[in-house]
Amino acid sequence: MKLVVLAALLLVLVVPVAGAASRTSQRGVLYGVVTRGPACSKGELHPCVAPLPGVTIVFLRHGHAVAQTTTGGDGTYQIRLHTGRYGIRVPGHKRWAPVRVRVWTGQVTRTNIEIDTLSR
């Protein structure tokens, strides 16, 4: 009887931990570079493909912000997200591409973002 109770207690303690571990492993990584483009005005000091440092990128699920990151000095970003589809928003800008992205379990996906800096 004591062995059955002990086995049941261990099962109760171990199963939630195993379930939590599998949920946290259902993540992937997005990384890339945020650049100017595709449209730039003539005579701009920076080329259209210049990386943009300090840009905030917001990731949305079902219309709600769930995560955000900011590009580094070289215009790059990296973020770990749960598996699924996300909308992308770049506050302070009207147009950017892409506007949606997919995160795959256990994969690293490069997603470069171009911001139309004329649409501010």
N, C-alpha and C. Protein backbone atom coordinates (compact mmCIF):
# COMPACT_ATOMS: atom_id res chain seq x y z
N MET A 1 0.82 -1.19 0.00
CA MET A 1 0.00 0.00 0.00
C MET A 1 0.87 1.25 0.00
N LYS A 2 1.91 1.26 0.86
CA LYS A 2 2.79 2.42 0.92
C LYS A 2 3.47 2.65 -0.43
N LEU A 3 3.82 1.58 -1.14
CA LEU A 3 4.48 1.70 -2.44
C LEU A 3 3.54 2.35 -3.47
N VAL A 4 2.26 2.00 -3.44
CA VAL A 4 1.29 2.57 -4.36
C VAL A 4 1.11 4.06 -4.08
N VAL A 5 1.01 4.43 -2.83
CA VAL A 5 0.86 5.84 -2.44
C VAL A 5 2.09 6.63 -2.85
N LEU A 6 3.26 6.06 -2.62
CA LEU A 6 4.51 6.73 -3.00
C LEU A 6 4.60 6.90 -4.51
N ALA A 7 4.22 5.88 -5.26
CA ALA A 7 4.25 5.96 -6.73
C ALA A 7 3.27 7.02 -7.22
N ALA A 8 2.08 7.08 -6.63
CA ALA A 8 1.08 8.09 -7.02
C ALA A 8 1.57 9.49 -6.71
N LEU A 9 2.21 9.67 -5.57
CA LEU A 9 2.76 10.97 -5.19
C LEU A 9 3.84 11.40 -6.16
N LEU A 10 4.74 10.49 -6.52
CA LEU A 10 5.79 10.82 -7.49
C LEU A 10 5.20 11.19 -8.84
N LEU A 11 4.17 10.48 -9.26
CA LEU A 11 3.52 10.77 -10.54
C LEU A 11 2.92 12.17 -10.53
N VAL A 12 2.29 12.56 -9.44
CA VAL A 12 1.69 13.89 -9.33
C VAL A 12 2.77 14.97 -9.37
N LEU A 13 3.89 14.71 -8.76
CA LEU A 13 4.97 15.70 -8.73
C LEU A 13 5.73 15.79 -10.04
N VAL A 14 5.91 14.69 -10.75
CA VAL A 14 6.73 14.66 -11.96
C VAL A 14 5.96 15.12 -13.19
N VAL A 15 4.71 14.75 -13.35
CA VAL A 15 3.96 15.04 -14.56
C VAL A 15 3.84 16.54 -14.83
N PRO A 16 3.48 17.39 -13.86
CA PRO A 16 3.41 18.82 -14.17
C PRO A 16 4.76 19.40 -14.62
N VAL A 17 5.84 18.94 -14.03
CA VAL A 17 7.16 19.45 -14.42
C VAL A 17 7.47 19.03 -15.84
N ALA A 18 7.18 17.79 -16.20
CA ALA A 18 7.44 17.33 -17.56
C ALA A 18 6.57 18.11 -18.54
N GLY A 19 5.32 18.37 -18.20
CA GLY A 19 4.44 19.13 -19.08
C GLY A 19 4.94 20.55 -19.27
N ALA A 20 5.42 21.18 -18.21
CA ALA A 20 5.95 22.54 -18.30
C ALA A 20 7.18 22.58 -19.17
N ALA A 21 8.04 21.57 -19.05
CA ALA A 21 9.25 21.54 -19.87
C ALA A 21 8.91 21.44 -21.34
N SER A 22 7.89 20.65 -21.70
CA SER A 22 7.55 20.52 -23.11
C SER A 22 6.94 21.81 -23.65
N ARG A 23 6.22 22.56 -22.82
CA ARG A 23 5.65 23.83 -23.27
C ARG A 23 6.74 24.86 -23.53
N THR A 24 7.75 24.93 -22.68
CA THR A 24 8.79 25.93 -22.86
C THR A 24 9.70 25.57 -24.02
N SER A 25 9.75 24.29 -24.41
CA SER A 25 10.59 23.93 -25.53
C SER A 25 9.91 24.22 -26.86
N GLN A 26 8.64 24.59 -26.84
CA GLN A 26 7.92 24.91 -28.06
C GLN A 26 8.14 26.37 -28.43
N ARG A 27 9.39 26.70 -28.60
CA ARG A 27 9.79 28.06 -28.95
C ARG A 27 10.75 28.02 -30.11
N GLY A 28 10.89 29.15 -30.72
CA GLY A 28 11.87 29.32 -31.78
C GLY A 28 12.48 30.70 -31.65
N VAL A 29 13.44 30.99 -32.50
CA VAL A 29 14.14 32.27 -32.46
C VAL A 29 13.95 32.99 -33.78
N LEU A 30 13.65 34.28 -33.69
CA LEU A 30 13.63 35.15 -34.86
C LEU A 30 14.83 36.08 -34.74
N TYR A 31 15.49 36.30 -35.85
CA TYR A 31 16.58 37.28 -35.85
C TYR A 31 16.64 37.90 -37.23
N GLY A 32 17.27 39.04 -37.31
CA GLY A 32 17.41 39.70 -38.60
C GLY A 32 17.96 41.09 -38.45
N VAL A 33 17.85 41.84 -39.54
CA VAL A 33 18.33 43.22 -39.59
C VAL A 33 17.17 44.10 -40.02
N VAL A 34 17.03 45.24 -39.36
CA VAL A 34 16.04 46.23 -39.77
C VAL A 34 16.78 47.29 -40.57
N THR A 35 16.29 47.53 -41.79
CA THR A 35 16.95 48.48 -42.70
C THR A 35 15.94 49.47 -43.26
N ARG A 36 16.49 50.56 -43.80
CA ARG A 36 15.69 51.53 -44.55
C ARG A 36 15.28 50.88 -45.85
N GLY A 37 14.14 51.26 -46.33
CA GLY A 37 13.74 50.78 -47.64
C GLY A 37 12.29 50.35 -47.61
N PRO A 38 11.75 50.07 -48.71
CA PRO A 38 12.36 50.15 -50.03
C PRO A 38 12.45 51.56 -50.59
N ALA A 39 11.74 52.51 -49.98
CA ALA A 39 11.74 53.88 -50.53
C ALA A 39 12.60 54.80 -49.69
N CYS A 40 13.44 55.57 -50.36
CA CYS A 40 14.26 56.60 -49.72
C CYS A 40 14.19 57.85 -50.60
N SER A 41 14.31 59.00 -49.98
CA SER A 41 14.28 60.22 -50.79
C SER A 41 15.66 60.47 -51.38
N LYS A 42 15.69 61.15 -52.50
CA LYS A 42 16.95 61.50 -53.13
C LYS A 42 17.70 62.47 -52.22
N GLY A 43 19.01 62.32 -52.16
CA GLY A 43 19.83 63.22 -51.38
C GLY A 43 19.92 62.87 -49.91
N GLU A 44 19.33 61.74 -49.50
CA GLU A 44 19.47 61.33 -48.09
C GLU A 44 20.91 60.99 -47.80
N LEU A 45 21.33 61.23 -46.58
CA LEU A 45 22.69 60.94 -46.18
C LEU A 45 22.97 59.44 -46.06
N HIS A 46 21.95 58.66 -45.75
CA HIS A 46 22.12 57.22 -45.56
C HIS A 46 21.52 56.47 -46.74
N PRO A 47 22.20 55.42 -47.20
CA PRO A 47 21.61 54.63 -48.29
C PRO A 47 20.36 53.91 -47.82
N CYS A 48 19.51 53.52 -48.77
CA CYS A 48 18.25 52.85 -48.45
C CYS A 48 18.44 51.57 -47.65
N VAL A 49 19.52 50.88 -47.86
CA VAL A 49 19.71 49.60 -47.18
C VAL A 49 20.48 49.75 -45.86
N ALA A 50 20.64 50.97 -45.39
CA ALA A 50 21.39 51.19 -44.14
C ALA A 50 20.64 50.58 -42.96
N PRO A 51 21.33 49.85 -42.08
CA PRO A 51 20.71 49.31 -40.87
C PRO A 51 20.21 50.43 -39.96
N LEU A 52 19.11 50.17 -39.27
CA LEU A 52 18.52 51.17 -38.38
C LEU A 52 18.65 50.74 -36.92
N PRO A 53 19.52 51.40 -36.16
CA PRO A 53 19.64 51.08 -34.74
C PRO A 53 18.52 51.70 -33.92
N GLY A 54 18.21 51.10 -32.77
CA GLY A 54 17.24 51.67 -31.84
C GLY A 54 15.79 51.61 -32.27
N VAL A 55 15.45 50.72 -33.19
CA VAL A 55 14.07 50.58 -33.66
C VAL A 55 13.36 49.53 -32.79
N THR A 56 12.19 49.88 -32.28
CA THR A 56 11.39 48.94 -31.49
C THR A 56 10.51 48.12 -32.43
N ILE A 57 10.51 46.81 -32.23
CA ILE A 57 9.68 45.90 -33.00
C ILE A 57 8.73 45.22 -32.02
N VAL A 58 7.44 45.26 -32.31
CA VAL A 58 6.43 44.67 -31.44
C VAL A 58 5.83 43.46 -32.16
N PHE A 59 5.70 42.36 -31.44
CA PHE A 59 5.13 41.13 -32.00
C PHE A 59 3.74 40.92 -31.40
N LEU A 60 2.77 40.63 -32.26
CA LEU A 60 1.37 40.54 -31.87
C LEU A 60 0.82 39.14 -32.09
N ARG A 61 -0.03 38.69 -31.16
CA ARG A 61 -0.80 37.45 -31.33
C ARG A 61 -2.26 37.82 -31.13
N HIS A 62 -3.07 37.50 -32.11
CA HIS A 62 -4.50 37.78 -32.05
C HIS A 62 -4.76 39.26 -31.78
N GLY A 63 -3.92 40.12 -32.35
CA GLY A 63 -4.10 41.57 -32.22
C GLY A 63 -3.55 42.19 -30.96
N HIS A 64 -2.95 41.39 -30.09
CA HIS A 64 -2.42 41.90 -28.83
C HIS A 64 -0.90 41.79 -28.80
N ALA A 65 -0.25 42.83 -28.30
CA ALA A 65 1.21 42.81 -28.17
C ALA A 65 1.60 41.77 -27.13
N VAL A 66 2.50 40.86 -27.51
CA VAL A 66 2.94 39.81 -26.59
C VAL A 66 4.45 39.86 -26.32
N ALA A 67 5.18 40.57 -27.16
CA ALA A 67 6.63 40.66 -26.97
C ALA A 67 7.16 41.83 -27.79
N GLN A 68 8.31 42.33 -27.38
CA GLN A 68 8.96 43.37 -28.16
C GLN A 68 10.46 43.31 -27.96
N THR A 69 11.16 43.89 -28.91
CA THR A 69 12.61 43.97 -28.83
C THR A 69 13.04 45.25 -29.54
N THR A 70 14.28 45.63 -29.33
CA THR A 70 14.82 46.83 -29.96
C THR A 70 16.11 46.46 -30.69
N THR A 71 16.29 47.03 -31.87
CA THR A 71 17.49 46.71 -32.64
C THR A 71 18.73 47.30 -31.98
N GLY A 72 19.83 46.59 -32.14
CA GLY A 72 21.11 47.04 -31.61
C GLY A 72 21.73 48.12 -32.50
N GLY A 73 22.93 48.50 -32.16
CA GLY A 73 23.64 49.55 -32.89
C GLY A 73 23.90 49.21 -34.35
N ASP A 74 23.89 47.93 -34.67
CA ASP A 74 24.11 47.51 -36.06
C ASP A 74 22.79 47.18 -36.77
N GLY A 75 21.65 47.51 -36.15
CA GLY A 75 20.34 47.27 -36.76
C GLY A 75 19.82 45.86 -36.60
N THR A 76 20.54 45.01 -35.88
CA THR A 76 20.09 43.62 -35.73
C THR A 76 19.20 43.45 -34.50
N TYR A 77 18.39 42.39 -34.56
CA TYR A 77 17.55 42.04 -33.41
C TYR A 77 17.53 40.52 -33.30
N GLN A 78 17.17 40.03 -32.14
CA GLN A 78 16.97 38.61 -31.90
C GLN A 78 15.98 38.47 -30.77
N ILE A 79 15.02 37.56 -30.95
CA ILE A 79 14.00 37.35 -29.91
C ILE A 79 13.55 35.90 -29.95
N ARG A 80 13.29 35.36 -28.77
CA ARG A 80 12.79 33.99 -28.61
C ARG A 80 11.29 34.09 -28.36
N LEU A 81 10.51 33.36 -29.18
CA LEU A 81 9.05 33.42 -29.09
C LEU A 81 8.46 32.01 -29.12
N HIS A 82 7.24 31.89 -28.59
CA HIS A 82 6.52 30.62 -28.69
C HIS A 82 6.21 30.34 -30.16
N THR A 83 6.10 29.07 -30.49
CA THR A 83 5.76 28.66 -31.84
C THR A 83 4.41 29.25 -32.25
N GLY A 84 4.34 29.71 -33.50
CA GLY A 84 3.07 30.23 -34.01
C GLY A 84 3.29 31.39 -34.97
N ARG A 85 2.19 32.01 -35.34
CA ARG A 85 2.21 33.16 -36.25
C ARG A 85 2.09 34.44 -35.47
N TYR A 86 2.82 35.45 -35.92
CA TYR A 86 2.84 36.74 -35.26
C TYR A 86 2.66 37.86 -36.28
N GLY A 87 1.96 38.89 -35.85
CA GLY A 87 1.96 40.13 -36.60
C GLY A 87 3.14 40.95 -36.13
N ILE A 88 3.62 41.83 -36.99
CA ILE A 88 4.75 42.70 -36.64
C ILE A 88 4.26 44.14 -36.70
N ARG A 89 4.64 44.93 -35.70
CA ARG A 89 4.33 46.36 -35.69
C ARG A 89 5.62 47.10 -35.36
N VAL A 90 5.82 48.21 -36.06
CA VAL A 90 7.00 49.05 -35.82
C VAL A 90 6.47 50.44 -35.45
N PRO A 91 6.31 50.72 -34.16
CA PRO A 91 5.76 52.00 -33.73
C PRO A 91 6.57 53.17 -34.30
N GLY A 92 5.84 54.21 -34.72
CA GLY A 92 6.49 55.39 -35.27
C GLY A 92 6.66 55.35 -36.78
N HIS A 93 6.25 54.24 -37.39
CA HIS A 93 6.34 54.11 -38.85
C HIS A 93 5.00 53.61 -39.38
N LYS A 94 4.68 54.02 -40.60
CA LYS A 94 3.40 53.62 -41.20
C LYS A 94 3.52 52.36 -42.05
N ARG A 95 4.71 52.15 -42.68
CA ARG A 95 4.86 51.00 -43.58
C ARG A 95 6.16 50.27 -43.32
N TRP A 96 6.05 48.93 -43.30
CA TRP A 96 7.22 48.06 -43.16
C TRP A 96 6.85 46.71 -43.75
N ALA A 97 7.84 45.92 -44.03
CA ALA A 97 7.61 44.57 -44.57
C ALA A 97 8.66 43.64 -43.98
N PRO A 98 8.30 42.43 -43.62
CA PRO A 98 6.96 41.85 -43.69
C PRO A 98 6.09 42.31 -42.52
N VAL A 99 4.80 42.05 -42.62
CA VAL A 99 3.87 42.42 -41.55
C VAL A 99 3.48 41.20 -40.71
N ARG A 100 3.83 40.00 -41.19
CA ARG A 100 3.56 38.76 -40.46
C ARG A 100 4.78 37.85 -40.54
N VAL A 101 4.91 36.99 -39.54
CA VAL A 101 6.03 36.05 -39.51
C VAL A 101 5.59 34.79 -38.79
N ARG A 102 6.24 33.70 -39.10
CA ARG A 102 5.94 32.41 -38.44
C ARG A 102 7.17 31.95 -37.67
N VAL A 103 6.94 31.50 -36.43
CA VAL A 103 8.01 30.96 -35.58
C VAL A 103 7.81 29.45 -35.53
N TRP A 104 8.89 28.72 -35.78
CA TRP A 104 8.85 27.26 -35.80
C TRP A 104 9.56 26.70 -34.57
N THR A 105 9.04 25.65 -34.00
CA THR A 105 9.62 25.01 -32.82
C THR A 105 11.07 24.60 -33.07
N GLY A 106 11.96 25.04 -32.19
CA GLY A 106 13.35 24.64 -32.24
C GLY A 106 14.15 25.19 -33.40
N GLN A 107 13.59 26.11 -34.17
CA GLN A 107 14.29 26.64 -35.33
C GLN A 107 14.64 28.10 -35.16
N VAL A 108 15.68 28.50 -35.86
CA VAL A 108 16.09 29.90 -35.91
C VAL A 108 15.70 30.41 -37.29
N THR A 109 14.88 31.44 -37.33
CA THR A 109 14.38 31.97 -38.60
C THR A 109 14.85 33.39 -38.80
N ARG A 110 15.49 33.63 -39.95
CA ARG A 110 15.94 34.99 -40.26
C ARG A 110 14.78 35.74 -40.91
N THR A 111 14.45 36.88 -40.34
CA THR A 111 13.40 37.73 -40.86
C THR A 111 13.91 39.16 -40.86
N ASN A 112 14.36 39.62 -42.02
CA ASN A 112 14.80 41.00 -42.16
C ASN A 112 13.57 41.87 -42.34
N ILE A 113 13.61 43.06 -41.78
CA ILE A 113 12.48 43.98 -41.86
C ILE A 113 12.94 45.26 -42.55
N GLU A 114 12.21 45.64 -43.59
CA GLU A 114 12.48 46.90 -44.28
C GLU A 114 11.44 47.92 -43.87
N ILE A 115 11.90 49.10 -43.46
CA ILE A 115 11.01 50.16 -43.04
C ILE A 115 11.05 51.28 -44.08
N ASP A 116 9.87 51.68 -44.52
CA ASP A 116 9.77 52.82 -45.43
C ASP A 116 9.91 54.07 -44.57
N THR A 117 11.11 54.62 -44.52
CA THR A 117 11.37 55.75 -43.62
C THR A 117 10.73 57.04 -44.10
N LEU A 118 10.20 57.06 -45.32
CA LEU A 118 9.48 58.24 -45.80
C LEU A 118 8.06 58.31 -45.26
N SER A 119 7.58 57.20 -44.70
CA SER A 119 6.18 57.14 -44.25
C SER A 119 6.02 57.48 -42.78
N ARG A 120 6.99 58.07 -42.17
CA ARG A 120 6.92 58.38 -40.73
C ARG A 120 5.78 59.22 -40.34
